[in-house]
Amino acid sequence: MKIGQVVFSKCGRDKGLPFVVFSQDDNGYVYLTDGRLRPLSKPKKKKTKHVQPTNTVLDLLAVGSRGLQDADIRKWLIPYSSGRLLN
């Protein structure tokens, strides 16, 4: 998995929800954010086997000088929300 990749949760109470990979570690975990329930300040830790990756990788550095914000993540995940509100 890559930083900025859009993934879907495969299990847990957040099953089926889209997330963005914020970071990862060497123990097989990724840290996910959706900008709402899981903001950048408190990412969700999940095993990589519990997420379904997509082919979409977002450029997290392209937001400019103000830095990455939760609103950017929410906006990018709108096409993947399947009718669920992310605002």
PDB file of N, CA and C in Angstrom:
ATOM      1  N   MET A   1       0.837  -1.181   0.000  1.00  0.00           N
ATOM      2  CA  MET A   1       0.000   0.000   0.000  1.00  0.00           C
ATOM      3  C   MET A   1       0.877   1.237   0.000  1.00  0.00           C
ATOM      4  N   LYS A   2       0.310   2.300  -0.528  1.00  0.00           N
ATOM      5  CA  LYS A   2       1.050   3.550  -0.647  1.00  0.00           C
ATOM      6  C   LYS A   2       0.374   4.634   0.190  1.00  0.00           C
ATOM      7  N   ILE A   3       1.164   5.588   0.619  1.00  0.00           N
ATOM      8  CA  ILE A   3       0.626   6.744   1.327  1.00  0.00           C
ATOM      9  C   ILE A   3      -0.255   7.516   0.351  1.00  0.00           C
ATOM     10  N   GLY A   4      -1.479   7.843   0.766  1.00  0.00           N
ATOM     11  CA  GLY A   4      -2.411   8.562  -0.091  1.00  0.00           C
ATOM     12  C   GLY A   4      -3.357   7.657  -0.852  1.00  0.00           C
ATOM     13  N   GLN A   5      -3.196   6.350  -0.733  1.00  0.00           N
ATOM     14  CA  GLN A   5      -4.061   5.415  -1.456  1.00  0.00           C
ATOM     15  C   GLN A   5      -5.443   5.356  -0.815  1.00  0.00           C
ATOM     16  N   VAL A   6      -6.478   5.340  -1.647  1.00  0.00           N
ATOM     17  CA  VAL A   6      -7.846   5.205  -1.164  1.00  0.00           C
ATOM     18  C   VAL A   6      -8.117   3.720  -0.929  1.00  0.00           C
ATOM     19  N   VAL A   7      -8.640   3.403   0.263  1.00  0.00           N
ATOM     20  CA  VAL A   7      -8.945   2.023   0.619  1.00  0.00           C
ATOM     21  C   VAL A   7     -10.343   1.962   1.222  1.00  0.00           C
ATOM     22  N   PHE A   8     -10.902   0.762   1.264  1.00  0.00           N
ATOM     23  CA  PHE A   8     -12.175   0.514   1.925  1.00  0.00           C
ATOM     24  C   PHE A   8     -11.953  -0.454   3.072  1.00  0.00           C
ATOM     25  N   SER A   9     -12.622  -0.211   4.175  1.00  0.00           N
ATOM     26  CA  SER A   9     -12.543  -1.098   5.324  1.00  0.00           C
ATOM     27  C   SER A   9     -13.332  -2.369   5.024  1.00  0.00           C
ATOM     28  N   LYS A  10     -12.741  -3.535   5.320  1.00  0.00           N
ATOM     29  CA  LYS A  10     -13.412  -4.803   5.055  1.00  0.00           C
ATOM     30  C   LYS A  10     -14.086  -5.388   6.287  1.00  0.00           C
ATOM     31  N   CYS A  11     -13.768  -4.887   7.473  1.00  0.00           N
ATOM     32  CA  CYS A  11     -14.395  -5.439   8.671  1.00  0.00           C
ATOM     33  C   CYS A  11     -14.437  -4.370   9.767  1.00  0.00           C
ATOM     34  N   GLY A  12     -15.221  -4.654  10.789  1.00  0.00           N
ATOM     35  CA  GLY A  12     -15.389  -3.710  11.881  1.00  0.00           C
ATOM     36  C   GLY A  12     -16.625  -2.861  11.676  1.00  0.00           C
ATOM     37  N   ARG A  13     -16.858  -1.968  12.598  1.00  0.00           N
ATOM     38  CA  ARG A  13     -18.063  -1.128  12.486  1.00  0.00           C
ATOM     39  C   ARG A  13     -17.953  -0.093  11.376  1.00  0.00           C
ATOM     40  N   ASP A  14     -16.753   0.104  10.868  1.00  0.00           N
ATOM     41  CA  ASP A  14     -16.555   1.017   9.736  1.00  0.00           C
ATOM     42  C   ASP A  14     -16.505   0.272   8.405  1.00  0.00           C
ATOM     43  N   LYS A  15     -17.016  -0.940   8.360  1.00  0.00           N
ATOM     44  CA  LYS A  15     -16.994  -1.776   7.164  1.00  0.00           C
ATOM     45  C   LYS A  15     -17.646  -1.061   5.981  1.00  0.00           C
ATOM     46  N   GLY A  16     -16.944  -1.059   4.846  1.00  0.00           N
ATOM     47  CA  GLY A  16     -17.457  -0.450   3.629  1.00  0.00           C
ATOM     48  C   GLY A  16     -17.181   1.029   3.482  1.00  0.00           C
ATOM     49  N   LEU A  17     -16.610   1.655   4.488  1.00  0.00           N
ATOM     50  CA  LEU A  17     -16.329   3.091   4.419  1.00  0.00           C
ATOM     51  C   LEU A  17     -14.986   3.355   3.750  1.00  0.00           C
ATOM     52  N   PRO A  18     -14.899   4.448   2.981  1.00  0.00           N
ATOM     53  CA  PRO A  18     -13.624   4.794   2.339  1.00  0.00           C
ATOM     54  C   PRO A  18     -12.701   5.534   3.301  1.00  0.00           C
ATOM     55  N   PHE A  19     -11.422   5.292   3.168  1.00  0.00           N
ATOM     56  CA  PHE A  19     -10.388   5.956   3.953  1.00  0.00           C
ATOM     57  C   PHE A  19      -9.211   6.253   3.042  1.00  0.00           C
ATOM     58  N   VAL A  20      -8.308   7.090   3.528  1.00  0.00           N
ATOM     59  CA  VAL A  20      -7.051   7.377   2.845  1.00  0.00           C
ATOM     60  C   VAL A  20      -5.931   6.883   3.750  1.00  0.00           C
ATOM     61  N   VAL A  21      -4.954   6.185   3.175  1.00  0.00           N
ATOM     62  CA  VAL A  21      -3.805   5.718   3.947  1.00  0.00           C
ATOM     63  C   VAL A  21      -2.951   6.934   4.286  1.00  0.00           C
ATOM     64  N   PHE A  22      -2.826   7.208   5.574  1.00  0.00           N
ATOM     65  CA  PHE A  22      -2.077   8.370   6.052  1.00  0.00           C
ATOM     66  C   PHE A  22      -0.621   8.004   6.330  1.00  0.00           C
ATOM     67  N   SER A  23      -0.399   6.811   6.877  1.00  0.00           N
ATOM     68  CA  SER A  23       0.953   6.318   7.113  1.00  0.00           C
ATOM     69  C   SER A  23       0.881   4.808   7.308  1.00  0.00           C
ATOM     70  N   GLN A  24       2.036   4.187   7.413  1.00  0.00           N
ATOM     71  CA  GLN A  24       2.092   2.753   7.656  1.00  0.00           C
ATOM     72  C   GLN A  24       3.342   2.432   8.455  1.00  0.00           C
ATOM     73  N   ASP A  25       3.337   1.260   9.094  1.00  0.00           N
ATOM     74  CA  ASP A  25       4.524   0.848   9.831  1.00  0.00           C
ATOM     75  C   ASP A  25       5.018  -0.503   9.314  1.00  0.00           C
ATOM     76  N   ASP A  26       6.083  -0.990   9.899  1.00  0.00           N
ATOM     77  CA  ASP A  26       6.709  -2.229   9.438  1.00  0.00           C
ATOM     78  C   ASP A  26       6.034  -3.479   9.984  1.00  0.00           C
ATOM     79  N   ASN A  27       5.062  -3.325  10.877  1.00  0.00           N
ATOM     80  CA  ASN A  27       4.397  -4.467  11.500  1.00  0.00           C
ATOM     81  C   ASN A  27       3.115  -4.876  10.791  1.00  0.00           C
ATOM     82  N   GLY A  28       2.860  -4.370   9.594  1.00  0.00           N
ATOM     83  CA  GLY A  28       1.674  -4.738   8.847  1.00  0.00           C
ATOM     84  C   GLY A  28       0.450  -3.908   9.167  1.00  0.00           C
ATOM     85  N   TYR A  29       0.642  -2.729   9.722  1.00  0.00           N
ATOM     86  CA  TYR A  29      -0.468  -1.842  10.045  1.00  0.00           C
ATOM     87  C   TYR A  29      -0.435  -0.604   9.147  1.00  0.00           C
ATOM     88  N   VAL A  30      -1.615  -0.103   8.837  1.00  0.00           N
ATOM     89  CA  VAL A  30      -1.745   1.181   8.154  1.00  0.00           C
ATOM     90  C   VAL A  30      -2.571   2.095   9.049  1.00  0.00           C
ATOM     91  N   TYR A  31      -2.355   3.388   8.916  1.00  0.00           N
ATOM     92  CA  TYR A  31      -3.101   4.387   9.666  1.00  0.00           C
ATOM     93  C   TYR A  31      -3.991   5.127   8.678  1.00  0.00           C
ATOM     94  N   LEU A  32      -5.296   5.092   8.931  1.00  0.00           N
ATOM     95  CA  LEU A  32      -6.288   5.585   7.982  1.00  0.00           C
ATOM     96  C   LEU A  32      -6.978   6.823   8.507  1.00  0.00           C
ATOM     97  N   THR A  33      -7.365   7.698   7.593  1.00  0.00           N
ATOM     98  CA  THR A  33      -8.113   8.892   7.941  1.00  0.00           C
ATOM     99  C   THR A  33      -9.238   9.091   6.933  1.00  0.00           C
ATOM    100  N   ASP A  34     -10.358   9.640   7.429  1.00  0.00           N
ATOM    101  CA  ASP A  34     -11.456  10.001   6.527  1.00  0.00           C
ATOM    102  C   ASP A  34     -11.825  11.468   6.669  1.00  0.00           C
ATOM    103  N   GLY A  35     -11.143  12.183   7.569  1.00  0.00           N
ATOM    104  CA  GLY A  35     -11.387  13.606   7.732  1.00  0.00           C
ATOM    105  C   GLY A  35     -12.585  13.944   8.592  1.00  0.00           C
ATOM    106  N   ARG A  36     -13.344  12.955   9.024  1.00  0.00           N
ATOM    107  CA  ARG A  36     -14.536  13.230   9.836  1.00  0.00           C
ATOM    108  C   ARG A  36     -14.485  12.401  11.113  1.00  0.00           C
ATOM    109  N   LEU A  37     -14.822  11.130  11.026  1.00  0.00           N
ATOM    110  CA  LEU A  37     -14.783  10.271  12.210  1.00  0.00           C
ATOM    111  C   LEU A  37     -13.354   9.976  12.636  1.00  0.00           C
ATOM    112  N   ARG A  38     -12.474   9.907  11.667  1.00  0.00           N
ATOM    113  CA  ARG A  38     -11.057   9.694  11.922  1.00  0.00           C
ATOM    114  C   ARG A  38     -10.263  10.838  11.305  1.00  0.00           C
ATOM    115  N   PRO A  39     -10.090  11.928  12.060  1.00  0.00           N
ATOM    116  CA  PRO A  39      -9.351  13.080  11.525  1.00  0.00           C
ATOM    117  C   PRO A  39      -7.846  12.792  11.445  1.00  0.00           C
ATOM    118  N   LEU A  40      -7.129  13.694  10.844  1.00  0.00           N
ATOM    119  CA  LEU A  40      -5.680  13.552  10.707  1.00  0.00           C
ATOM    120  C   LEU A  40      -4.987  13.472  12.060  1.00  0.00           C
ATOM    121  N   SER A  41      -5.553  14.101  13.075  1.00  0.00           N
ATOM    122  CA  SER A  41      -4.940  14.097  14.401  1.00  0.00           C
ATOM    123  C   SER A  41      -5.144  12.785  15.145  1.00  0.00           C
ATOM    124  N   LYS A  42      -6.076  11.937  14.665  1.00  0.00           N
ATOM    125  CA  LYS A  42      -6.361  10.671  15.342  1.00  0.00           C
ATOM    126  C   LYS A  42      -6.690   9.589  14.307  1.00  0.00           C
ATOM    127  N   PRO A  43      -5.687   9.147  13.533  1.00  0.00           N
ATOM    128  CA  PRO A  43      -5.961   8.163  12.485  1.00  0.00           C
ATOM    129  C   PRO A  43      -6.295   6.790  13.055  1.00  0.00           C
ATOM    130  N   LYS A  44      -6.994   5.996  12.265  1.00  0.00           N
ATOM    131  CA  LYS A  44      -7.410   4.644  12.635  1.00  0.00           C
ATOM    132  C   LYS A  44      -6.289   3.670  12.292  1.00  0.00           C
ATOM    133  N   LYS A  45      -5.904   2.838  13.252  1.00  0.00           N
ATOM    134  CA  LYS A  45      -4.881   1.823  13.028  1.00  0.00           C
ATOM    135  C   LYS A  45      -5.577   0.521  12.636  1.00  0.00           C
ATOM    136  N   LYS A  46      -5.224  -0.013  11.464  1.00  0.00           N
ATOM    137  CA  LYS A  46      -5.818  -1.256  10.974  1.00  0.00           C
ATOM    138  C   LYS A  46      -4.751  -2.127  10.335  1.00  0.00           C
ATOM    139  N   LYS A  47      -4.958  -3.428  10.421  1.00  0.00           N
ATOM    140  CA  LYS A  47      -4.069  -4.351   9.719  1.00  0.00           C
ATOM    141  C   LYS A  47      -4.337  -4.242   8.222  1.00  0.00           C
ATOM    142  N   THR A  48      -3.296  -4.423   7.444  1.00  0.00           N
ATOM    143  CA  THR A  48      -3.441  -4.292   5.993  1.00  0.00           C
ATOM    144  C   THR A  48      -4.382  -5.344   5.416  1.00  0.00           C
ATOM    145  N   LYS A  49      -4.505  -6.492   6.052  1.00  0.00           N
ATOM    146  CA  LYS A  49      -5.412  -7.519   5.539  1.00  0.00           C
ATOM    147  C   LYS A  49      -6.881  -7.157   5.752  1.00  0.00           C
ATOM    148  N   HIS A  50      -7.157  -6.137   6.552  1.00  0.00           N
ATOM    149  CA  HIS A  50      -8.522  -5.718   6.838  1.00  0.00           C
ATOM    150  C   HIS A  50      -8.981  -4.538   5.992  1.00  0.00           C
ATOM    151  N   VAL A  51      -8.198  -4.161   4.984  1.00  0.00           N
ATOM    152  CA  VAL A  51      -8.599  -3.081   4.085  1.00  0.00           C
ATOM    153  C   VAL A  51      -8.493  -3.555   2.644  1.00  0.00           C
ATOM    154  N   GLN A  52      -9.391  -3.038   1.807  1.00  0.00           N
ATOM    155  CA  GLN A  52      -9.409  -3.341   0.379  1.00  0.00           C
ATOM    156  C   GLN A  52      -8.852  -2.142  -0.382  1.00  0.00           C
ATOM    157  N   PRO A  53      -7.663  -2.254  -0.973  1.00  0.00           N
ATOM    158  CA  PRO A  53      -7.093  -1.111  -1.680  1.00  0.00           C
ATOM    159  C   PRO A  53      -7.780  -0.861  -3.013  1.00  0.00           C
ATOM    160  N   THR A  54      -7.736   0.375  -3.463  1.00  0.00           N
ATOM    161  CA  THR A  54      -8.190   0.742  -4.796  1.00  0.00           C
ATOM    162  C   THR A  54      -6.960   1.151  -5.607  1.00  0.00           C
ATOM    163  N   ASN A  55      -7.157   1.456  -6.857  1.00  0.00           N
ATOM    164  CA  ASN A  55      -6.051   1.891  -7.708  1.00  0.00           C
ATOM    165  C   ASN A  55      -5.795   3.388  -7.609  1.00  0.00           C
ATOM    166  N   THR A  56      -6.586   4.087  -6.812  1.00  0.00           N
ATOM    167  CA  THR A  56      -6.469   5.536  -6.702  1.00  0.00           C
ATOM    168  C   THR A  56      -5.468   5.906  -5.607  1.00  0.00           C
ATOM    169  N   VAL A  57      -4.485   6.720  -5.977  1.00  0.00           N
ATOM    170  CA  VAL A  57      -3.514   7.242  -5.016  1.00  0.00           C
ATOM    171  C   VAL A  57      -3.572   8.755  -5.105  1.00  0.00           C
ATOM    172  N   LEU A  58      -3.903   9.405  -4.000  1.00  0.00           N
ATOM    173  CA  LEU A  58      -4.023  10.860  -3.944  1.00  0.00           C
ATOM    174  C   LEU A  58      -2.673  11.483  -3.633  1.00  0.00           C
ATOM    175  N   ASP A  59      -2.417  12.643  -4.200  1.00  0.00           N
ATOM    176  CA  ASP A  59      -1.190  13.378  -3.922  1.00  0.00           C
ATOM    177  C   ASP A  59      -1.443  14.265  -2.710  1.00  0.00           C
ATOM    178  N   LEU A  60      -1.020  13.796  -1.541  1.00  0.00           N
ATOM    179  CA  LEU A  60      -1.296  14.517  -0.301  1.00  0.00           C
ATOM    180  C   LEU A  60      -0.478  15.790  -0.164  1.00  0.00           C
ATOM    181  N   LEU A  61       0.558  15.943  -0.951  1.00  0.00           N
ATOM    182  CA  LEU A  61       1.402  17.139  -0.862  1.00  0.00           C
ATOM    183  C   LEU A  61       0.941  18.257  -1.786  1.00  0.00           C
ATOM    184  N   ALA A  62      -0.087  18.008  -2.598  1.00  0.00           N
ATOM    185  CA  ALA A  62      -0.526  18.983  -3.592  1.00  0.00           C
ATOM    186  C   ALA A  62      -1.494  20.025  -3.039  1.00  0.00           C
ATOM    187  N   VAL A  63      -1.659  20.118  -1.738  1.00  0.00           N
ATOM    188  CA  VAL A  63      -2.630  21.044  -1.167  1.00  0.00           C
ATOM    189  C   VAL A  63      -2.090  22.452  -1.012  1.00  0.00           C
ATOM    190  N   GLY A  64      -0.807  22.642  -1.186  1.00  0.00           N
ATOM    191  CA  GLY A  64      -0.258  23.991  -1.133  1.00  0.00           C
ATOM    192  C   GLY A  64       0.375  24.321   0.199  1.00  0.00           C
ATOM    193  N   SER A  65       0.528  25.601   0.444  1.00  0.00           N
ATOM    194  CA  SER A  65       1.272  26.059   1.613  1.00  0.00           C
ATOM    195  C   SER A  65       0.501  25.936   2.924  1.00  0.00           C
ATOM    196  N   ARG A  66      -0.815  25.826   2.857  1.00  0.00           N
ATOM    197  CA  ARG A  66      -1.594  25.753   4.100  1.00  0.00           C
ATOM    198  C   ARG A  66      -1.524  24.387   4.755  1.00  0.00           C
ATOM    199  N   GLY A  67      -1.048  23.384   4.036  1.00  0.00           N
ATOM    200  CA  GLY A  67      -0.906  22.044   4.585  1.00  0.00           C
ATOM    201  C   GLY A  67      -2.169  21.219   4.420  1.00  0.00           C
ATOM    202  N   LEU A  68      -2.049  19.945   4.647  1.00  0.00           N
ATOM    203  CA  LEU A  68      -3.159  19.008   4.510  1.00  0.00           C
ATOM    204  C   LEU A  68      -4.141  19.195   5.657  1.00  0.00           C
ATOM    205  N   GLN A  69      -5.416  19.271   5.340  1.00  0.00           N
ATOM    206  CA  GLN A  69      -6.457  19.446   6.347  1.00  0.00           C
ATOM    207  C   GLN A  69      -7.530  18.377   6.166  1.00  0.00           C
ATOM    208  N   ASP A  70      -8.344  18.184   7.205  1.00  0.00           N
ATOM    209  CA  ASP A  70      -9.417  17.204   7.172  1.00  0.00           C
ATOM    210  C   ASP A  70     -10.418  17.493   6.059  1.00  0.00           C
ATOM    211  N   ALA A  71     -10.657  18.758   5.768  1.00  0.00           N
ATOM    212  CA  ALA A  71     -11.599  19.125   4.707  1.00  0.00           C
ATOM    213  C   ALA A  71     -11.119  18.620   3.350  1.00  0.00           C
ATOM    214  N   ASP A  72      -9.809  18.602   3.128  1.00  0.00           N
ATOM    215  CA  ASP A  72      -9.260  18.082   1.874  1.00  0.00           C
ATOM    216  C   ASP A  72      -9.563  16.588   1.736  1.00  0.00           C
ATOM    217  N   ILE A  73      -9.379  15.857   2.802  1.00  0.00           N
ATOM    218  CA  ILE A  73      -9.642  14.418   2.797  1.00  0.00           C
ATOM    219  C   ILE A  73     -11.121  14.152   2.530  1.00  0.00           C
ATOM    220  N   ARG A  74     -12.001  14.888   3.209  1.00  0.00           N
ATOM    221  CA  ARG A  74     -13.451  14.708   3.010  1.00  0.00           C
ATOM    222  C   ARG A  74     -13.830  14.974   1.558  1.00  0.00           C
ATOM    223  N   LYS A  75     -13.268  16.023   0.974  1.00  0.00           N
ATOM    224  CA  LYS A  75     -13.584  16.382  -0.405  1.00  0.00           C
ATOM    225  C   LYS A  75     -13.121  15.289  -1.375  1.00  0.00           C
ATOM    226  N   TRP A  76     -11.929  14.730  -1.144  1.00  0.00           N
ATOM    227  CA  TRP A  76     -11.403  13.700  -2.028  1.00  0.00           C
ATOM    228  C   TRP A  76     -12.183  12.391  -1.922  1.00  0.00           C
ATOM    229  N   LEU A  77     -12.785  12.126  -0.775  1.00  0.00           N
ATOM    230  CA  LEU A  77     -13.492  10.864  -0.584  1.00  0.00           C
ATOM    231  C   LEU A  77     -14.962  10.910  -1.009  1.00  0.00           C
ATOM    232  N   ILE A  78     -15.477  12.066  -1.408  1.00  0.00           N
ATOM    233  CA  ILE A  78     -16.877  12.170  -1.830  1.00  0.00           C
ATOM    234  C   ILE A  78     -17.228  11.184  -2.947  1.00  0.00           C
ATOM    235  N   PRO A  79     -16.422  11.018  -3.987  1.00  0.00           N
ATOM    236  CA  PRO A  79     -16.799  10.055  -5.038  1.00  0.00           C
ATOM    237  C   PRO A  79     -16.857   8.602  -4.565  1.00  0.00           C
ATOM    238  N   TYR A  80     -16.250   8.283  -3.439  1.00  0.00           N
ATOM    239  CA  TYR A  80     -16.211   6.915  -2.929  1.00  0.00           C
ATOM    240  C   TYR A  80     -17.226   6.663  -1.825  1.00  0.00           C
ATOM    241  N   SER A  81     -17.988   7.680  -1.461  1.00  0.00           N
ATOM    242  CA  SER A  81     -18.851   7.572  -0.283  1.00  0.00           C
ATOM    243  C   SER A  81     -20.132   6.800  -0.539  1.00  0.00           C
ATOM    244  N   SER A  82     -20.514   6.556  -1.770  1.00  0.00           N
ATOM    245  CA  SER A  82     -21.720   5.805  -2.149  1.00  0.00           C
ATOM    246  C   SER A  82     -22.980   6.287  -1.438  1.00  0.00           C
ATOM    247  N   GLY A  83     -23.172   7.589  -1.431  1.00  0.00           N
ATOM    248  CA  GLY A  83     -24.396   8.160  -0.877  1.00  0.00           C
ATOM    249  C   GLY A  83     -24.325   8.492   0.594  1.00  0.00           C
ATOM    250  N   ARG A  84     -23.253   8.132   1.277  1.00  0.00           N
ATOM    251  CA  ARG A  84     -23.111   8.458   2.702  1.00  0.00           C
ATOM    252  C   ARG A  84     -22.495   9.835   2.845  1.00  0.00           C
ATOM    253  N   LEU A  85     -22.985  10.580   3.785  1.00  0.00           N
ATOM    254  CA  LEU A  85     -22.456  11.923   4.002  1.00  0.00           C
ATOM    255  C   LEU A  85     -21.134  11.858   4.719  1.00  0.00           C
ATOM    256  N   LEU A  86     -20.154  12.586   4.216  1.00  0.00           N
ATOM    257  CA  LEU A  86     -18.852  12.653   4.845  1.00  0.00           C
ATOM    258  C   LEU A  86     -18.566  14.033   5.405  1.00  0.00           C
ATOM    259  N   ASN A  87     -19.504  14.942   5.318  1.00  0.00           N
ATOM    260  CA  ASN A  87     -19.263  16.302   5.801  1.00  0.00           C
ATOM    261  C   ASN A  87     -19.482  16.416   7.271  1.00  0.00           C
TER     262      ASN A  87
END
